[in-house]
C-alpha cells in the first residue's frame, strides 16, 4: 500500500502544478493573441482537460462497449457543472458576461437538448434508445462550426490585469502543453492508486465506481477551475467547463457514434433529466442571487442538486 500512497501523492502534485502552469500559460496566450480568456478556456483548455474522457470513450467505442462511452460523458458533464462549477463559485463568484448570457450558456443547453432529441428520435422511429452514425456526423459538424465561430468572435472583452507578469508566447505554449500533460498523467496516477488504496481498505467496487472513478476523469477540470478561481480568472474557469461539456457531447459522443452506434438503453430518465437540469441551472444563475454573476448562492444550489443526485445513485445500488 505504501507504493500506492506515494504514487497517489505524486499524481495529486502533478494535478496541482499542472493546473497552475496551464492557467498561467493559457492566460498569457489569450493576452498575446487578443482573444478572451473565456474562449481560450472554451477551446484549448476545455478540450485539453477533456482528454481523459475522450480516451476512455473512444476506447470503449472501439471495444464495442457503448455503456462506457455514454456513461462517461454524461457523468462527466453532470459532475463538471454541478460539482466543479458549484465548488468554484462558492470559492470565488464568477462574472457572467453578455456574450456568455446570449450565446455560450444557451449553446450549452442547446447541445444537451440536441443530444436528448436525437436519442428520442431514434427511439420513436426505430424503437431503440441510441445514437447512430448519422447522428454522430451531425454532432461533429456542429462542433466544427462552433469552434470556428468561437475563434472568430472571441476577441478579449474583459479587462486584463496589467500588473500580471508577462510571459512570452513560446514559454506560454510550453506551459500549456506541460500543464495538460501533468493533469492527464497526474489524473491517471490519482485515480488508479486511489482505487487500489480503497480496495485494499475493503471498500466495495460499486462505491469506488460512483465516487473515485466517476469524478476521476474530471479531475483536470476540477483542478483547473479551482486554480483559476484562486487566480481570479473566472472566465477561464467558466469557459473550461462549458468547453468541456460541449466537447464531450459534440466531439466525444459524435466521434464515438461514428465508430459504433451508441446504445442509451442503460441510461435512466433521471440521469438525462439531471444532465439537462444542470445545463439550464447555469442560465437561471443569471437571474438568481446577484444578477449576471455565478455567485456563492448559485454555487450552493448546484452543489445541493449534485448531492441529491449522488444520494439517488447510492439508493439504486
Protein backbone atom coordinates (compact mmCIF):
# COMPACT_ATOMS: atom_id res chain seq x y z
CA UNK A 1 0.00 0.00 0.00
CA UNK A 2 2.95 2.35 0.65
CA UNK A 3 3.81 2.50 -3.07
CA UNK A 4 0.16 3.24 -3.92
CA UNK A 5 0.10 6.09 -1.37
CA UNK A 6 3.33 7.57 -2.76
CA UNK A 7 2.05 7.37 -6.37
CA UNK A 8 -1.30 8.82 -5.24
CA UNK A 9 0.53 11.84 -3.76
CA UNK A 10 2.70 12.18 -6.88
CA UNK A 11 -0.46 12.21 -9.00
CA UNK A 12 -2.04 14.85 -6.77
CA UNK A 13 1.09 17.03 -7.02
CA UNK A 14 1.13 16.71 -10.82
CA UNK A 15 -2.53 17.76 -10.95
CA UNK A 16 -1.93 20.83 -8.78
CA UNK A 17 1.22 22.01 -10.58
CA UNK A 18 -0.22 21.09 -13.99
CA UNK A 19 -3.32 23.19 -13.36
CA UNK A 20 -1.19 26.13 -12.20
CA UNK A 21 1.00 26.08 -15.33
CA UNK A 22 -1.99 25.54 -17.62
CA UNK A 23 -3.90 28.53 -16.24
CA UNK A 24 -0.88 30.87 -16.42
CA UNK A 25 0.09 29.67 -19.91
CA UNK A 26 -3.45 29.88 -21.29
CA UNK A 27 -3.92 33.39 -19.86
CA UNK A 28 -0.64 34.52 -21.43
CA UNK A 29 -1.62 33.14 -24.86
CA UNK A 30 -5.01 34.86 -24.59
CA UNK A 31 -3.37 38.23 -23.89
CA UNK A 32 -0.84 37.85 -26.70
CA UNK A 33 -3.47 36.79 -29.27
CA UNK A 34 -6.05 39.34 -28.17
CA UNK A 35 -8.52 36.51 -27.53
CA UNK A 36 -10.67 36.44 -24.42
CA UNK A 37 -9.69 34.11 -21.60
CA UNK A 38 -13.19 32.63 -21.89
CA UNK A 39 -12.56 31.46 -25.47
CA UNK A 40 -9.14 30.06 -24.53
CA UNK A 41 -10.87 28.17 -21.71
CA UNK A 42 -13.64 27.07 -24.07
CA UNK A 43 -11.27 25.71 -26.72
CA UNK A 44 -7.67 24.90 -25.75
CA UNK A 45 -8.22 24.35 -22.02
CA UNK A 46 -11.68 22.79 -22.38
CA UNK A 47 -10.54 20.27 -24.98
CA UNK A 48 -7.27 19.57 -23.22
CA UNK A 49 -8.84 18.82 -19.86
CA UNK A 50 -11.39 16.56 -21.60
CA UNK A 51 -8.61 14.32 -22.97
CA UNK A 52 -9.23 11.63 -20.30
CA UNK A 53 -12.93 11.42 -21.24
CA UNK A 54 -12.01 11.22 -24.93
CA UNK A 55 -9.56 8.35 -24.38
CA UNK A 56 -12.00 6.40 -22.18
CA UNK A 57 -14.97 6.90 -24.52
CA UNK A 58 -13.13 6.21 -27.80
CA UNK A 59 -11.56 3.05 -26.38
CA UNK A 60 -14.96 1.96 -25.12
CA UNK A 61 -16.48 2.54 -28.56
CA UNK A 62 -13.65 0.67 -30.31
CA UNK A 63 -14.22 -2.28 -27.97
CA UNK A 64 -17.97 -2.16 -28.66
CA UNK A 65 -18.79 -1.05 -25.12
CA UNK A 66 -21.28 1.78 -25.61
CA UNK A 67 -22.11 1.97 -21.90
CA UNK A 68 -18.59 3.21 -21.13
CA UNK A 69 -18.65 5.93 -23.80
CA UNK A 70 -22.16 7.16 -22.93
CA UNK A 71 -21.92 6.87 -19.15
CA UNK A 72 -18.51 8.52 -19.05
CA UNK A 73 -19.67 11.62 -20.95
CA UNK A 74 -23.00 12.03 -19.16
CA UNK A 75 -21.43 11.52 -15.74
CA UNK A 76 -18.60 13.92 -16.55
CA UNK A 77 -20.92 16.70 -17.76
CA UNK A 78 -23.11 16.43 -14.65
CA UNK A 79 -20.02 16.41 -12.41
CA UNK A 80 -18.47 19.33 -14.31
CA UNK A 81 -21.45 21.65 -13.94
CA UNK A 82 -22.94 20.74 -10.59
CA UNK A 83 -19.87 19.92 -8.51
CA UNK A 84 -16.95 21.69 -10.20
CA UNK A 85 -18.68 24.96 -11.13
CA UNK A 86 -20.64 24.82 -7.89
CA UNK A 87 -17.48 24.47 -5.82
CA UNK A 88 -15.65 27.10 -7.90
CA UNK A 89 -18.48 29.62 -7.46
CA UNK A 90 -18.52 29.04 -3.69
CA UNK A 91 -14.76 29.70 -3.60
CA UNK A 92 -14.83 32.69 -5.97
CA UNK A 93 -18.00 34.09 -7.62
CA UNK A 94 -17.66 34.40 -11.41
CA UNK A 95 -18.97 37.21 -13.60
CA UNK A 96 -21.28 36.16 -16.46
CA UNK A 97 -20.64 38.38 -19.49
CA UNK A 98 -23.27 39.43 -22.04
CA UNK A 99 -21.64 37.01 -24.50
CA UNK A 100 -21.95 34.16 -22.00
CA UNK A 101 -25.61 35.05 -21.43
CA UNK A 102 -26.60 35.44 -25.08
CA UNK A 103 -24.52 32.74 -26.75
CA UNK A 104 -22.35 30.42 -24.69
CA UNK A 105 -24.70 29.23 -21.95
CA UNK A 106 -27.71 28.87 -24.31
CA UNK A 107 -25.49 26.89 -26.73
CA UNK A 108 -24.53 24.52 -23.93
CA UNK A 109 -28.25 23.99 -23.24
CA UNK A 110 -29.00 23.57 -26.96
CA UNK A 111 -26.29 20.93 -27.39
CA UNK A 112 -27.59 19.00 -24.38
CA UNK A 113 -31.18 19.16 -25.66
CA UNK A 114 -29.99 18.17 -29.17
CA UNK A 115 -28.45 15.01 -27.71
CA UNK A 116 -31.73 14.18 -25.96
CA UNK A 117 -33.77 14.82 -29.14
CA UNK A 118 -31.53 12.63 -31.30
CA UNK A 119 -31.82 9.75 -28.85
CA UNK A 120 -35.61 10.16 -28.58
CA UNK A 121 -35.90 10.43 -32.38
CA UNK A 122 -34.22 7.07 -32.81
CA UNK A 123 -36.44 5.58 -30.12
CA UNK A 124 -39.67 6.71 -31.78
CA UNK A 125 -38.53 5.85 -35.31
CA UNK A 126 -36.64 2.64 -34.64
CA UNK A 127 -37.61 1.56 -31.15
CA UNK A 128 -34.07 1.87 -29.77
CA UNK A 129 -32.53 4.49 -27.48
CA UNK A 130 -29.29 5.13 -29.36
CA UNK A 131 -27.05 7.46 -31.33
CA UNK A 132 -26.40 6.29 -34.88
CA UNK A 133 -23.53 7.13 -37.22
CA UNK A 134 -25.59 9.83 -38.93
CA UNK A 135 -26.24 11.43 -35.54
CA UNK A 136 -22.51 11.29 -34.82
CA UNK A 137 -21.71 13.05 -38.09
CA UNK A 138 -24.24 15.80 -37.26
CA UNK A 139 -22.74 16.35 -33.80
CA UNK A 140 -19.23 16.59 -35.29
CA UNK A 141 -20.38 19.10 -37.91
CA UNK A 142 -21.94 21.29 -35.21
CA UNK A 143 -18.71 21.07 -33.20
CA UNK A 144 -16.54 22.27 -36.11
CA UNK A 145 -18.90 25.17 -36.82
CA UNK A 146 -18.98 26.26 -33.20
CA UNK A 147 -15.21 26.21 -32.82
CA UNK A 148 -14.79 28.35 -35.95
CA UNK A 149 -17.37 30.89 -34.75
CA UNK A 150 -15.86 30.97 -31.25
CA UNK A 151 -12.39 31.93 -32.51
CA UNK A 152 -13.77 34.48 -34.99
CA UNK A 153 -15.85 36.25 -32.34
CA UNK A 154 -13.50 35.62 -29.41
CA UNK A 155 -11.74 38.96 -29.07
CA UNK A 156 -11.00 39.90 -25.48
CA UNK A 157 -13.93 41.63 -23.79
CA UNK A 158 -12.78 41.67 -20.19
CA UNK A 159 -10.10 43.93 -18.75
CA UNK A 160 -6.87 42.09 -18.09
CA UNK A 161 -4.73 42.64 -15.02
CA UNK A 162 -1.99 45.00 -16.17
CA UNK A 163 0.21 44.08 -13.21
CA UNK A 164 0.29 40.42 -14.19
CA UNK A 165 3.71 39.14 -15.16
CA UNK A 166 4.34 38.97 -18.92
CA UNK A 167 5.10 35.51 -20.30
CA UNK A 168 6.41 35.19 -23.84
CA UNK A 169 4.45 33.17 -26.37
CA UNK A 170 6.71 30.11 -26.75
CA UNK A 171 7.19 29.58 -22.99
CA UNK A 172 3.43 30.07 -22.55
CA UNK A 173 2.73 27.33 -25.13
CA UNK A 174 5.20 25.05 -23.33
CA UNK A 175 3.39 25.80 -20.06
CA UNK A 176 0.06 24.83 -21.63
CA UNK A 177 1.48 21.58 -23.04
CA UNK A 178 3.30 20.74 -19.81
CA UNK A 179 0.28 21.65 -17.70
CA UNK A 180 -2.02 19.42 -19.75
CA UNK A 181 0.47 16.56 -19.58
CA UNK A 182 0.71 16.97 -15.81
CA UNK A 183 -3.07 16.98 -15.47
CA UNK A 184 -3.56 13.87 -17.61
CA UNK A 185 -0.70 11.81 -16.15
CA UNK A 186 -1.41 13.03 -12.63
CA UNK A 187 -5.12 12.28 -13.02
CA UNK A 188 -4.37 8.74 -14.12
CA UNK A 189 -1.99 8.15 -11.20
CA UNK A 190 -4.50 9.69 -8.81
CA UNK A 191 -7.44 7.53 -9.96
CA UNK A 192 -5.54 4.24 -10.30
CA UNK A 193 -3.85 4.46 -6.92
CA UNK A 194 -6.87 5.87 -5.09
CA UNK A 195 -8.81 2.87 -6.41
CA UNK A 196 -6.06 0.48 -5.31
CA UNK A 197 -5.93 2.02 -1.82
CA UNK A 198 -9.73 1.87 -1.49
CA UNK A 199 -9.81 -1.80 -2.47
CA UNK A 200 -7.05 -2.64 -0.01
CA UNK A 201 -9.14 -0.94 2.69
CA UNK A 202 -12.08 -3.20 1.79
CA UNK A 203 -14.26 -0.55 0.12
CA UNK A 204 -16.71 -2.05 -2.41
CA UNK A 205 -16.22 -1.72 -6.17
CA UNK A 206 -19.66 -0.08 -6.55
CA UNK A 207 -18.74 2.66 -4.05
CA UNK A 208 -15.40 3.16 -5.81
CA UNK A 209 -17.13 3.44 -9.21
CA UNK A 210 -19.57 6.10 -8.02
CA UNK A 211 -17.01 8.17 -6.14
CA UNK A 212 -13.40 7.82 -7.30
CA UNK A 213 -13.90 6.69 -10.90
CA UNK A 214 -16.94 8.87 -11.61
CA UNK A 215 -15.01 12.02 -10.75
CA UNK A 216 -11.60 10.76 -11.81
CA UNK A 217 -11.76 11.76 -15.47
CA UNK A 218 -12.98 15.22 -14.39
CA UNK A 219 -10.01 15.84 -12.10
CA UNK A 220 -8.26 18.06 -14.71
CA UNK A 221 -11.35 20.30 -14.96
CA UNK A 222 -11.68 20.43 -11.17
CA UNK A 223 -8.04 21.38 -10.59
CA UNK A 224 -8.04 23.93 -13.44
CA UNK A 225 -11.22 25.65 -12.25
CA UNK A 226 -10.12 25.84 -8.61
CA UNK A 227 -6.74 27.30 -9.60
CA UNK A 228 -8.45 29.73 -11.99
CA UNK A 229 -10.79 30.83 -9.20
CA UNK A 230 -7.88 31.41 -6.83
CA UNK A 231 -6.14 33.46 -9.53
CA UNK A 232 -9.40 35.41 -10.07
CA UNK A 233 -9.80 34.18 -13.64
CA UNK A 234 -13.48 33.24 -13.50
CA UNK A 235 -14.00 33.48 -17.27
CA UNK A 236 -11.26 30.90 -17.85
CA UNK A 237 -12.95 28.56 -15.36
CA UNK A 238 -16.42 29.05 -16.89
CA UNK A 239 -15.04 28.61 -20.40
CA UNK A 240 -13.24 25.43 -19.31
CA UNK A 241 -16.46 23.79 -18.08
CA UNK A 242 -18.70 24.94 -20.95
CA UNK A 243 -16.00 23.96 -23.46
CA UNK A 244 -15.52 20.59 -21.82
CA UNK A 245 -19.28 19.89 -21.81
CA UNK A 246 -19.68 20.89 -25.46
CA UNK A 247 -16.55 18.94 -26.40
CA UNK A 248 -17.83 15.86 -24.56
CA UNK A 249 -21.19 15.78 -26.36
CA UNK A 250 -20.29 17.00 -29.84
CA UNK A 251 -16.81 15.58 -30.40
CA UNK A 252 -16.52 12.65 -28.00
CA UNK A 253 -20.05 11.24 -28.35
CA UNK A 254 -20.15 12.28 -32.02
CA UNK A 255 -16.82 10.57 -32.75
CA UNK A 256 -17.74 7.52 -30.66
CA UNK A 257 -21.06 7.16 -32.52
CA UNK A 258 -19.18 7.23 -35.85
CA UNK A 259 -17.03 4.36 -34.60
CA UNK A 260 -20.01 2.33 -33.42
CA UNK A 261 -23.69 3.22 -32.78
CA UNK A 262 -24.12 4.05 -29.09
CA UNK A 263 -26.93 2.49 -27.08
CA UNK A 264 -28.59 4.64 -24.39
CA UNK A 265 -30.68 1.74 -23.09
CA UNK A 266 -28.91 1.74 -19.73
CA UNK A 267 -29.45 5.49 -19.20
CA UNK A 268 -32.19 6.23 -16.69
CA UNK A 269 -34.62 9.14 -17.40
CA UNK A 270 -33.42 10.68 -14.14
CA UNK A 271 -29.83 10.73 -15.47
CA UNK A 272 -30.91 12.52 -18.63
CA UNK A 273 -33.12 14.88 -16.63
CA UNK A 274 -30.26 15.86 -14.31
CA UNK A 275 -27.99 16.40 -17.34
CA UNK A 276 -30.48 18.87 -18.87
CA UNK A 277 -31.21 20.48 -15.49
CA UNK A 278 -27.51 21.10 -14.84
CA UNK A 279 -27.22 22.96 -18.16
CA UNK A 280 -30.36 25.04 -17.52
CA UNK A 281 -29.26 25.99 -13.99
CA UNK A 282 -26.35 27.97 -15.44
CA UNK A 283 -28.85 30.18 -17.27
CA UNK A 284 -31.04 30.66 -14.19
CA UNK A 285 -27.91 31.79 -12.31
CA UNK A 286 -28.01 34.95 -14.46
CA UNK A 287 -31.23 35.98 -12.72
CA UNK A 288 -30.93 34.47 -9.21
CA UNK A 289 -28.83 35.80 -6.35
CA UNK A 290 -26.58 38.55 -7.69
CA UNK A 291 -27.57 39.11 -11.33
CA UNK A 292 -25.04 38.29 -14.06
CA UNK A 293 -22.80 36.56 -11.51
CA UNK A 294 -22.41 32.88 -10.73
CA UNK A 295 -22.25 33.65 -7.02
CA UNK A 296 -21.99 31.61 -3.82
CA UNK A 297 -25.78 31.19 -3.65
CA UNK A 298 -25.84 29.73 -7.18
CA UNK A 299 -22.83 27.54 -6.36
CA UNK A 300 -24.56 26.21 -3.25
CA UNK A 301 -27.66 25.35 -5.32
CA UNK A 302 -25.53 23.45 -7.85
CA UNK A 303 -23.81 21.51 -5.05
CA UNK A 304 -27.19 20.73 -3.45
CA UNK A 305 -28.51 19.21 -6.69
CA UNK A 306 -25.28 17.20 -7.07
CA UNK A 307 -25.69 15.89 -3.50
CA UNK A 308 -29.30 14.88 -4.18
CA UNK A 309 -28.27 13.11 -7.39
CA UNK A 310 -25.49 11.20 -5.59
CA UNK A 311 -27.98 10.11 -2.90
CA UNK A 312 -30.27 8.84 -5.63
CA UNK A 313 -27.38 6.93 -7.23
CA UNK A 314 -26.49 5.32 -3.90
CA UNK A 315 -30.11 4.30 -3.38
CA UNK A 316 -30.01 2.47 -6.72
CA UNK A 317 -27.13 0.24 -5.59
